[in-house]
Amino acid sequence: MPTTPNRLEGIAERLIPTSLGLINVRVGGRADGRPMVFWPSLMMDGTMWEYQYEHFAPTHRVVLVDSPGHGKSDALRKIIDLKDCSTVLVEILDALGIGKCVLVGNSWGGMLAGVFPAYHPERSAAAVGINCTASLPTTFESIWATALAAFLSLNSTMPALAAKAARRAFAGPSAEASNPEFVEFTKVVLRDDPKSVAWALRSILIGRKDEHRRLNTIKGVPVLIIAGEEDSQFPVHVVRKMADAIPDSAFRVLKHTAHLAARENPASVNAEIDAFLAALPTAA
């Protein structure tokens, strides 16, 4: 039986005190390389970026964040917002001695990658937002996410229903037809703290604000926004609207790719990020 490659080999873990409790980060790669910080989707932790770590570690200092309430970070037991997450990211950068970073995020992380350069341009070399939105939640989204959060909050361990919800949210037709490894991967949500995920759903998904006006204030920070053609959570037109709000941003659409593009289609995502980074000034 073939062994699964350890793409995070050599990475070090560290718990960093922040305003939202202890946040677990994995740090590795080239110590003198340009810092890249990766923030995951809801229901995921920093390990969802294993293909990005493998790709960028030879040339960059790479930081993989377990977002609040996920992975090995402290449990989440209150409502938070993207400004709180931006503050936590600054606290992580300070603890690691990083001035400016390239922030890469998927879904929740993509929303953060959008607003972080607006809140903290002095800490932003560039940003990449994947499968993300700056719009208010739709009525349908609010209804199902509220119901899911209520159900999860009643459980002490993640119920099997959560894996079905994650599969519906993350796996599109192409993955269902031809990427069984990715479909199986979506079951990692079963290791989450359901009460923490419930608070995150209420905070980041249900409680999110319209951020388009804030994004329009970004100046001097290169931003790349990537949409998935098959993303049922944040369809292409919603992601495009976010990109359009950011002055001089680049926008790309990945074919045959759904909501968790960085994990489902890492080759295409990495190629888009490579091309984006190659165009950045070396001093950024």
C-alpha atoms as a PDB file:
ATOM      1  CA  MET A   1       0.000   0.000   0.000  1.00  0.00           C
ATOM      2  CA  PRO A   2       1.564   3.347  -1.022  1.00  0.00           C
ATOM      3  CA  THR A   3       2.379   5.774   1.766  1.00  0.00           C
ATOM      4  CA  THR A   4       0.927   9.282   1.776  1.00  0.00           C
ATOM      5  CA  PRO A   5       3.674  11.882   1.320  1.00  0.00           C
ATOM      6  CA  ASN A   6       4.265  14.191   4.264  1.00  0.00           C
ATOM      7  CA  ARG A   7       4.088  17.564   2.553  1.00  0.00           C
ATOM      8  CA  LEU A   8       4.501  19.389   5.873  1.00  0.00           C
ATOM      9  CA  GLU A   9       7.769  17.664   6.719  1.00  0.00           C
ATOM     10  CA  GLY A  10      10.135  19.921   8.646  1.00  0.00           C
ATOM     11  CA  ILE A  11       7.492  22.451   9.661  1.00  0.00           C
ATOM     12  CA  ALA A  12       7.477  23.700  13.267  1.00  0.00           C
ATOM     13  CA  GLU A  13       4.380  24.434  15.355  1.00  0.00           C
ATOM     14  CA  ARG A  14       3.973  27.310  17.780  1.00  0.00           C
ATOM     15  CA  LEU A  15       1.149  28.634  19.958  1.00  0.00           C
ATOM     16  CA  ILE A  16       0.960  32.440  19.844  1.00  0.00           C
ATOM     17  CA  PRO A  17      -0.968  34.458  22.471  1.00  0.00           C
ATOM     18  CA  THR A  18      -3.454  36.827  20.789  1.00  0.00           C
ATOM     19  CA  SER A  19      -6.546  38.837  21.615  1.00  0.00           C
ATOM     20  CA  LEU A  20      -8.591  35.746  20.592  1.00  0.00           C
ATOM     21  CA  GLY A  21      -6.612  33.293  22.703  1.00  0.00           C
ATOM     22  CA  LEU A  22      -3.772  31.010  21.704  1.00  0.00           C
ATOM     23  CA  ILE A  23      -3.484  30.639  17.941  1.00  0.00           C
ATOM     24  CA  ASN A  24      -1.559  27.674  16.542  1.00  0.00           C
ATOM     25  CA  VAL A  25       0.722  28.367  13.598  1.00  0.00           C
ATOM     26  CA  ARG A  26       3.003  26.133  11.548  1.00  0.00           C
ATOM     27  CA  VAL A  27       6.166  27.845  10.351  1.00  0.00           C
ATOM     28  CA  GLY A  28       8.670  26.552   7.837  1.00  0.00           C
ATOM     29  CA  GLY A  29      10.223  27.091   4.461  1.00  0.00           C
ATOM     30  CA  ARG A  30      13.135  29.323   3.609  1.00  0.00           C
ATOM     31  CA  ALA A  31      13.991  31.460   6.641  1.00  0.00           C
ATOM     32  CA  ASP A  32      15.220  34.395   4.541  1.00  0.00           C
ATOM     33  CA  GLY A  33      12.429  34.160   1.950  1.00  0.00           C
ATOM     34  CA  ARG A  34       9.537  36.559   1.494  1.00  0.00           C
ATOM     35  CA  PRO A  35       6.951  35.697   4.178  1.00  0.00           C
ATOM     36  CA  MET A  36       3.688  34.129   3.021  1.00  0.00           C
ATOM     37  CA  VAL A  37       0.866  33.640   5.527  1.00  0.00           C
ATOM     38  CA  PHE A  38      -2.002  31.235   4.726  1.00  0.00           C
ATOM     39  CA  TRP A  39      -5.407  31.518   6.467  1.00  0.00           C
ATOM     40  CA  PRO A  40      -7.898  28.677   5.862  1.00  0.00           C
ATOM     41  CA  SER A  41     -11.598  28.294   5.204  1.00  0.00           C
ATOM     42  CA  LEU A  42     -14.240  27.716   7.832  1.00  0.00           C
ATOM     43  CA  MET A  43     -14.166  24.099   9.052  1.00  0.00           C
ATOM     44  CA  MET A  44     -10.517  23.783   7.966  1.00  0.00           C
ATOM     45  CA  ASP A  45      -7.197  24.296   9.735  1.00  0.00           C
ATOM     46  CA  GLY A  46      -3.742  25.217   8.459  1.00  0.00           C
ATOM     47  CA  THR A  47      -3.100  21.731   7.126  1.00  0.00           C
ATOM     48  CA  MET A  48      -5.468  22.408   4.211  1.00  0.00           C
ATOM     49  CA  TRP A  49      -2.520  24.303   2.685  1.00  0.00           C
ATOM     50  CA  GLU A  50      -0.198  21.288   2.473  1.00  0.00           C
ATOM     51  CA  TYR A  51       0.145  21.537  -1.317  1.00  0.00           C
ATOM     52  CA  GLN A  52       0.915  25.257  -1.072  1.00  0.00           C
ATOM     53  CA  TYR A  53       3.483  24.608   1.635  1.00  0.00           C
ATOM     54  CA  GLU A  54       5.205  21.974  -0.483  1.00  0.00           C
ATOM     55  CA  HIS A  55       5.257  24.354  -3.466  1.00  0.00           C
ATOM     56  CA  PHE A  56       6.301  27.628  -1.815  1.00  0.00           C
ATOM     57  CA  ALA A  57       8.529  26.448   1.067  1.00  0.00           C
ATOM     58  CA  PRO A  58      11.709  26.210  -1.075  1.00  0.00           C
ATOM     59  CA  THR A  59      11.533  29.935  -1.887  1.00  0.00           C
ATOM     60  CA  HIS A  60       9.429  31.559   0.857  1.00  0.00           C
ATOM     61  CA  ARG A  61       9.051  31.650   4.606  1.00  0.00           C
ATOM     62  CA  VAL A  62       5.639  30.013   5.024  1.00  0.00           C
ATOM     63  CA  VAL A  63       3.199  30.406   7.921  1.00  0.00           C
ATOM     64  CA  LEU A  64       0.060  28.259   8.102  1.00  0.00           C
ATOM     65  CA  VAL A  65      -2.539  29.552  10.563  1.00  0.00           C
ATOM     66  CA  ASP A  66      -5.110  27.513  12.478  1.00  0.00           C
ATOM     67  CA  SER A  67      -7.841  30.165  12.539  1.00  0.00           C
ATOM     68  CA  PRO A  68      -9.652  30.983  15.817  1.00  0.00           C
ATOM     69  CA  GLY A  69     -11.608  28.005  17.101  1.00  0.00           C
ATOM     70  CA  HIS A  70     -10.072  25.591  14.600  1.00  0.00           C
ATOM     71  CA  GLY A  71      -7.273  23.027  14.667  1.00  0.00           C
ATOM     72  CA  LYS A  72      -5.013  23.429  17.669  1.00  0.00           C
ATOM     73  CA  SER A  73      -6.009  27.040  18.334  1.00  0.00           C
ATOM     74  CA  ASP A  74      -8.092  27.899  21.384  1.00  0.00           C
ATOM     75  CA  ALA A  75     -11.826  27.266  21.210  1.00  0.00           C
ATOM     76  CA  LEU A  76     -14.045  30.092  19.987  1.00  0.00           C
ATOM     77  CA  ARG A  77     -16.929  31.003  22.266  1.00  0.00           C
ATOM     78  CA  LYS A  78     -18.004  34.479  21.118  1.00  0.00           C
ATOM     79  CA  ILE A  79     -18.879  36.506  18.042  1.00  0.00           C
ATOM     80  CA  ILE A  80     -15.874  37.896  16.159  1.00  0.00           C
ATOM     81  CA  ASP A  81     -15.438  39.785  12.893  1.00  0.00           C
ATOM     82  CA  LEU A  82     -12.833  40.348  10.202  1.00  0.00           C
ATOM     83  CA  LYS A  83     -11.380  43.326  12.057  1.00  0.00           C
ATOM     84  CA  ASP A  84     -10.735  41.025  15.042  1.00  0.00           C
ATOM     85  CA  CYS A  85      -9.057  38.561  12.662  1.00  0.00           C
ATOM     86  CA  SER A  86      -6.935  41.364  11.219  1.00  0.00           C
ATOM     87  CA  THR A  87      -5.771  42.260  14.730  1.00  0.00           C
ATOM     88  CA  VAL A  88      -4.911  38.611  15.414  1.00  0.00           C
ATOM     89  CA  LEU A  89      -2.905  38.447  12.203  1.00  0.00           C
ATOM     90  CA  VAL A  90      -0.888  41.522  13.225  1.00  0.00           C
ATOM     91  CA  GLU A  91      -0.233  39.864  16.592  1.00  0.00           C
ATOM     92  CA  ILE A  92       0.989  36.731  14.780  1.00  0.00           C
ATOM     93  CA  LEU A  93       3.262  38.777  12.512  1.00  0.00           C
ATOM     94  CA  ASP A  94       4.679  40.630  15.522  1.00  0.00           C
ATOM     95  CA  ALA A  95       5.348  37.389  17.385  1.00  0.00           C
ATOM     96  CA  LEU A  96       7.167  35.927  14.375  1.00  0.00           C
ATOM     97  CA  GLY A  97       9.155  39.090  13.656  1.00  0.00           C
ATOM     98  CA  ILE A  98       7.505  39.608  10.259  1.00  0.00           C
ATOM     99  CA  GLY A  99       7.033  43.130   8.955  1.00  0.00           C
ATOM    100  CA  LYS A 100       5.062  42.697   5.735  1.00  0.00           C
ATOM    101  CA  CYS A 101       3.576  39.474   4.410  1.00  0.00           C
ATOM    102  CA  VAL A 102       1.852  38.089   1.374  1.00  0.00           C
ATOM    103  CA  LEU A 103      -1.502  36.979   2.806  1.00  0.00           C
ATOM    104  CA  VAL A 104      -3.225  34.070   1.050  1.00  0.00           C
ATOM    105  CA  GLY A 105      -6.682  32.953   2.129  1.00  0.00           C
ATOM    106  CA  ASN A 106      -9.491  30.656   1.004  1.00  0.00           C
ATOM    107  CA  SER A 107     -13.133  31.541   1.831  1.00  0.00           C
ATOM    108  CA  TRP A 108     -12.877  32.970   5.406  1.00  0.00           C
ATOM    109  CA  GLY A 109      -9.194  33.529   4.713  1.00  0.00           C
ATOM    110  CA  GLY A 110     -10.044  35.100   1.355  1.00  0.00           C
ATOM    111  CA  MET A 111     -12.395  37.585   3.000  1.00  0.00           C
ATOM    112  CA  LEU A 112      -9.590  38.447   5.406  1.00  0.00           C
ATOM    113  CA  ALA A 113      -7.113  38.781   2.532  1.00  0.00           C
ATOM    114  CA  GLY A 114      -9.467  41.398   1.108  1.00  0.00           C
ATOM    115  CA  VAL A 115      -9.889  43.592   4.179  1.00  0.00           C
ATOM    116  CA  PHE A 116      -6.429  43.178   5.757  1.00  0.00           C
ATOM    117  CA  PRO A 117      -4.695  45.525   3.266  1.00  0.00           C
ATOM    118  CA  ALA A 118      -7.410  48.101   4.026  1.00  0.00           C
ATOM    119  CA  TYR A 119      -6.933  47.846   7.791  1.00  0.00           C
ATOM    120  CA  HIS A 120      -3.154  47.318   7.738  1.00  0.00           C
ATOM    121  CA  PRO A 121      -1.505  48.412   4.476  1.00  0.00           C
ATOM    122  CA  GLU A 122       1.781  48.798   6.349  1.00  0.00           C
ATOM    123  CA  ARG A 123       1.842  45.041   6.997  1.00  0.00           C
ATOM    124  CA  SER A 124       0.675  43.980   3.529  1.00  0.00           C
ATOM    125  CA  ALA A 125       3.132  43.169   0.740  1.00  0.00           C
ATOM    126  CA  ALA A 126       0.302  41.642  -1.310  1.00  0.00           C
ATOM    127  CA  ALA A 127      -2.861  39.605  -0.851  1.00  0.00           C
ATOM    128  CA  VAL A 128      -4.520  36.652  -2.570  1.00  0.00           C
ATOM    129  CA  GLY A 129      -8.193  35.947  -1.886  1.00  0.00           C
ATOM    130  CA  ILE A 130      -9.622  32.635  -3.122  1.00  0.00           C
ATOM    131  CA  ASN A 131     -13.347  31.698  -3.223  1.00  0.00           C
ATOM    132  CA  CYS A 132     -14.306  34.773  -1.229  1.00  0.00           C
ATOM    133  CA  THR A 133     -16.943  37.479  -0.998  1.00  0.00           C
ATOM    134  CA  ALA A 134     -17.433  41.012   0.280  1.00  0.00           C
ATOM    135  CA  SER A 135     -21.244  40.788   0.109  1.00  0.00           C
ATOM    136  CA  LEU A 136     -23.880  40.308   2.781  1.00  0.00           C
ATOM    137  CA  PRO A 137     -25.146  36.740   3.213  1.00  0.00           C
ATOM    138  CA  THR A 138     -28.107  35.748   1.086  1.00  0.00           C
ATOM    139  CA  THR A 139     -31.382  34.796   2.747  1.00  0.00           C
ATOM    140  CA  PHE A 140     -30.837  31.143   1.850  1.00  0.00           C
ATOM    141  CA  GLU A 141     -27.286  31.238   3.188  1.00  0.00           C
ATOM    142  CA  SER A 142     -28.456  32.785   6.459  1.00  0.00           C
ATOM    143  CA  ILE A 143     -31.188  30.185   6.911  1.00  0.00           C
ATOM    144  CA  TRP A 144     -29.081  27.076   6.336  1.00  0.00           C
ATOM    145  CA  ALA A 145     -26.027  28.418   8.193  1.00  0.00           C
ATOM    146  CA  THR A 146     -28.171  29.436  11.175  1.00  0.00           C
ATOM    147  CA  ALA A 147     -29.748  25.970  11.272  1.00  0.00           C
ATOM    148  CA  LEU A 148     -26.342  24.274  10.976  1.00  0.00           C
ATOM    149  CA  ALA A 149     -24.825  26.476  13.703  1.00  0.00           C
ATOM    150  CA  ALA A 150     -27.739  25.733  16.031  1.00  0.00           C
ATOM    151  CA  PHE A 151     -27.374  22.001  15.451  1.00  0.00           C
ATOM    152  CA  LEU A 152     -23.588  22.017  15.915  1.00  0.00           C
ATOM    153  CA  SER A 153     -23.841  23.986  19.155  1.00  0.00           C
ATOM    154  CA  LEU A 154     -25.800  21.098  20.699  1.00  0.00           C
ATOM    155  CA  ASN A 155     -22.945  18.620  20.149  1.00  0.00           C
ATOM    156  CA  SER A 156     -19.722  18.014  22.043  1.00  0.00           C
ATOM    157  CA  THR A 157     -18.122  16.123  19.138  1.00  0.00           C
ATOM    158  CA  MET A 158     -18.590  16.836  15.457  1.00  0.00           C
ATOM    159  CA  PRO A 159     -21.674  14.964  14.164  1.00  0.00           C
ATOM    160  CA  ALA A 160     -21.590  12.983  10.926  1.00  0.00           C
ATOM    161  CA  LEU A 161     -24.021  15.459   9.394  1.00  0.00           C
ATOM    162  CA  ALA A 162     -21.218  18.043   9.350  1.00  0.00           C
ATOM    163  CA  ALA A 163     -19.194  15.922   6.925  1.00  0.00           C
ATOM    164  CA  LYS A 164     -22.188  15.772   4.577  1.00  0.00           C
ATOM    165  CA  ALA A 165     -22.624  19.555   4.848  1.00  0.00           C
ATOM    166  CA  ALA A 166     -18.929  20.106   4.128  1.00  0.00           C
ATOM    167  CA  ARG A 167     -19.015  17.826   1.115  1.00  0.00           C
ATOM    168  CA  ARG A 168     -21.998  19.678  -0.326  1.00  0.00           C
ATOM    169  CA  ALA A 169     -20.323  23.032   0.307  1.00  0.00           C
ATOM    170  CA  PHE A 170     -16.800  22.163  -0.838  1.00  0.00           C
ATOM    171  CA  ALA A 171     -17.054  19.521  -3.579  1.00  0.00           C
ATOM    172  CA  GLY A 172     -18.434  20.515  -6.964  1.00  0.00           C
ATOM    173  CA  PRO A 173     -19.426  18.283  -9.900  1.00  0.00           C
ATOM    174  CA  SER A 174     -15.855  17.867 -11.161  1.00  0.00           C
ATOM    175  CA  ALA A 175     -14.530  16.763  -7.781  1.00  0.00           C
ATOM    176  CA  GLU A 176     -17.452  14.390  -7.286  1.00  0.00           C
ATOM    177  CA  ALA A 177     -16.806  12.856 -10.704  1.00  0.00           C
ATOM    178  CA  SER A 178     -13.029  12.629 -10.795  1.00  0.00           C
ATOM    179  CA  ASN A 179     -11.314  13.639  -7.532  1.00  0.00           C
ATOM    180  CA  PRO A 180     -12.161  11.045  -4.861  1.00  0.00           C
ATOM    181  CA  GLU A 181      -9.114  12.001  -2.778  1.00  0.00           C
ATOM    182  CA  PHE A 182     -10.457  15.534  -2.364  1.00  0.00           C
ATOM    183  CA  VAL A 183     -13.992  14.336  -1.610  1.00  0.00           C
ATOM    184  CA  GLU A 184     -12.556  12.064   1.093  1.00  0.00           C
ATOM    185  CA  PHE A 185     -10.487  14.971   2.415  1.00  0.00           C
ATOM    186  CA  THR A 186     -13.620  16.991   3.205  1.00  0.00           C
ATOM    187  CA  LYS A 187     -14.234  14.601   6.105  1.00  0.00           C
ATOM    188  CA  VAL A 188     -11.462  16.348   8.056  1.00  0.00           C
ATOM    189  CA  VAL A 189     -14.231  18.580   9.415  1.00  0.00           C
ATOM    190  CA  LEU A 190     -15.091  15.723  11.767  1.00  0.00           C
ATOM    191  CA  ARG A 191     -12.069  16.601  13.902  1.00  0.00           C
ATOM    192  CA  ASP A 192     -13.325  20.171  14.533  1.00  0.00           C
ATOM    193  CA  ASP A 193     -14.892  21.448  17.753  1.00  0.00           C
ATOM    194  CA  PRO A 194     -18.584  21.783  16.760  1.00  0.00           C
ATOM    195  CA  LYS A 195     -19.286  24.592  19.229  1.00  0.00           C
ATOM    196  CA  SER A 196     -16.335  26.603  17.895  1.00  0.00           C
ATOM    197  CA  VAL A 197     -17.468  26.052  14.315  1.00  0.00           C
ATOM    198  CA  ALA A 198     -20.960  27.204  15.300  1.00  0.00           C
ATOM    199  CA  TRP A 199     -19.550  30.477  16.646  1.00  0.00           C
ATOM    200  CA  ALA A 200     -17.432  30.899  13.508  1.00  0.00           C
ATOM    201  CA  LEU A 201     -20.470  30.317  11.285  1.00  0.00           C
ATOM    202  CA  ARG A 202     -22.435  32.948  13.206  1.00  0.00           C
ATOM    203  CA  SER A 203     -19.506  35.365  13.049  1.00  0.00           C
ATOM    204  CA  ILE A 204     -17.908  35.025   9.633  1.00  0.00           C
ATOM    205  CA  LEU A 205     -20.690  33.599   7.483  1.00  0.00           C
ATOM    206  CA  ILE A 206     -24.022  34.752   8.917  1.00  0.00           C
ATOM    207  CA  GLY A 207     -22.776  37.937  10.574  1.00  0.00           C
ATOM    208  CA  ARG A 208     -20.540  39.261   7.815  1.00  0.00           C
ATOM    209  CA  LYS A 209     -20.866  42.832   6.591  1.00  0.00           C
ATOM    210  CA  ASP A 210     -20.785  44.358   3.140  1.00  0.00           C
ATOM    211  CA  GLU A 211     -17.101  45.254   2.739  1.00  0.00           C
ATOM    212  CA  HIS A 212     -17.057  46.700  -0.786  1.00  0.00           C
ATOM    213  CA  ARG A 213     -16.595  50.323   0.339  1.00  0.00           C
ATOM    214  CA  ARG A 214     -13.735  49.307   2.629  1.00  0.00           C
ATOM    215  CA  LEU A 215     -12.054  47.388  -0.175  1.00  0.00           C
ATOM    216  CA  ASN A 216     -12.260  50.492  -2.366  1.00  0.00           C
ATOM    217  CA  THR A 217      -9.875  52.267   0.047  1.00  0.00           C
ATOM    218  CA  ILE A 218      -6.977  49.869  -0.670  1.00  0.00           C
ATOM    219  CA  LYS A 219      -4.057  51.704  -2.225  1.00  0.00           C
ATOM    220  CA  GLY A 220      -0.610  50.466  -3.209  1.00  0.00           C
ATOM    221  CA  VAL A 221      -1.159  46.814  -2.205  1.00  0.00           C
ATOM    222  CA  PRO A 222      -1.341  44.311  -5.100  1.00  0.00           C
ATOM    223  CA  VAL A 223      -4.353  41.992  -4.755  1.00  0.00           C
ATOM    224  CA  LEU A 224      -5.293  38.842  -6.677  1.00  0.00           C
ATOM    225  CA  ILE A 225      -8.811  37.419  -6.384  1.00  0.00           C
ATOM    226  CA  ILE A 226      -9.527  33.864  -7.606  1.00  0.00           C
ATOM    227  CA  ALA A 227     -12.972  32.350  -8.181  1.00  0.00           C
ATOM    228  CA  GLY A 228     -13.976  28.742  -8.807  1.00  0.00           C
ATOM    229  CA  GLU A 229     -16.244  28.135 -11.783  1.00  0.00           C
ATOM    230  CA  GLU A 230     -18.209  25.503  -9.800  1.00  0.00           C
ATOM    231  CA  ASP A 231     -18.301  27.338  -6.455  1.00  0.00           C
ATOM    232  CA  SER A 232     -21.882  27.061  -5.188  1.00  0.00           C
ATOM    233  CA  GLN A 233     -21.138  29.035  -2.007  1.00  0.00           C
ATOM    234  CA  PHE A 234     -19.696  32.199  -3.568  1.00  0.00           C
ATOM    235  CA  PRO A 235     -20.488  32.094  -7.303  1.00  0.00           C
ATOM    236  CA  VAL A 236     -18.207  33.751  -9.838  1.00  0.00           C
ATOM    237  CA  HIS A 237     -20.290  36.936 -10.157  1.00  0.00           C
ATOM    238  CA  VAL A 238     -20.129  37.480  -6.376  1.00  0.00           C
ATOM    239  CA  VAL A 239     -16.358  37.007  -6.275  1.00  0.00           C
ATOM    240  CA  ARG A 240     -15.947  39.235  -9.343  1.00  0.00           C
ATOM    241  CA  LYS A 241     -17.886  41.996  -7.558  1.00  0.00           C
ATOM    242  CA  MET A 242     -15.396  41.779  -4.704  1.00  0.00           C
ATOM    243  CA  ALA A 243     -12.459  42.046  -7.126  1.00  0.00           C
ATOM    244  CA  ASP A 244     -14.059  44.989  -8.902  1.00  0.00           C
ATOM    245  CA  ALA A 245     -14.207  46.894  -5.602  1.00  0.00           C
ATOM    246  CA  ILE A 246     -10.426  46.677  -5.110  1.00  0.00           C
ATOM    247  CA  PRO A 247      -8.495  49.239  -7.172  1.00  0.00           C
ATOM    248  CA  ASP A 248      -6.172  47.630  -9.740  1.00  0.00           C
ATOM    249  CA  SER A 249      -6.808  44.076  -8.487  1.00  0.00           C
ATOM    250  CA  ALA A 250      -6.363  41.038 -10.731  1.00  0.00           C
ATOM    251  CA  PHE A 251      -9.168  38.506 -11.156  1.00  0.00           C
ATOM    252  CA  ARG A 252      -8.978  34.896 -12.309  1.00  0.00           C
ATOM    253  CA  VAL A 253     -11.555  32.108 -12.701  1.00  0.00           C
ATOM    254  CA  LEU A 254     -10.524  28.452 -12.400  1.00  0.00           C
ATOM    255  CA  LYS A 255     -12.484  26.001 -14.498  1.00  0.00           C
ATOM    256  CA  HIS A 256     -13.807  22.718 -13.059  1.00  0.00           C
ATOM    257  CA  THR A 257     -13.114  24.002  -9.524  1.00  0.00           C
ATOM    258  CA  ALA A 258     -15.434  24.592  -6.575  1.00  0.00           C
ATOM    259  CA  HIS A 259     -15.250  26.323  -3.168  1.00  0.00           C
ATOM    260  CA  LEU A 260     -12.055  24.933  -1.672  1.00  0.00           C
ATOM    261  CA  ALA A 261      -9.903  25.674  -4.715  1.00  0.00           C
ATOM    262  CA  ALA A 262      -6.555  25.750  -2.910  1.00  0.00           C
ATOM    263  CA  ARG A 263      -7.034  22.138  -1.814  1.00  0.00           C
ATOM    264  CA  GLU A 264      -9.100  20.781  -4.713  1.00  0.00           C
ATOM    265  CA  ASN A 265      -7.024  22.306  -7.529  1.00  0.00           C
ATOM    266  CA  PRO A 266      -3.642  23.229  -6.020  1.00  0.00           C
ATOM    267  CA  ALA A 267      -1.716  23.091  -9.301  1.00  0.00           C
ATOM    268  CA  SER A 268      -3.838  25.830 -10.884  1.00  0.00           C
ATOM    269  CA  VAL A 269      -3.985  27.912  -7.701  1.00  0.00           C
ATOM    270  CA  ASN A 270      -0.218  27.699  -7.217  1.00  0.00           C
ATOM    271  CA  ALA A 271       0.381  28.645 -10.855  1.00  0.00           C
ATOM    272  CA  GLU A 272      -1.826  31.731 -10.532  1.00  0.00           C
ATOM    273  CA  ILE A 273      -0.061  32.764  -7.310  1.00  0.00           C
ATOM    274  CA  ASP A 274       3.355  32.185  -8.922  1.00  0.00           C
ATOM    275  CA  ALA A 275       2.499  34.460 -11.828  1.00  0.00           C
ATOM    276  CA  PHE A 276       1.104  37.101  -9.439  1.00  0.00           C
ATOM    277  CA  LEU A 277       4.182  37.009  -7.187  1.00  0.00           C
ATOM    278  CA  ALA A 278       6.545  37.184 -10.152  1.00  0.00           C
ATOM    279  CA  ALA A 279       5.092  40.558 -11.064  1.00  0.00           C
ATOM    280  CA  LEU A 280       5.570  42.027  -7.577  1.00  0.00           C
ATOM    281  CA  PRO A 281       8.429  44.433  -6.889  1.00  0.00           C
ATOM    282  CA  THR A 282      11.200  42.593  -5.027  1.00  0.00           C
ATOM    283  CA  ALA A 283      11.075  45.120  -2.186  1.00  0.00           C
ATOM    284  CA  ALA A 284       7.356  44.590  -1.546  1.00  0.00           C
END
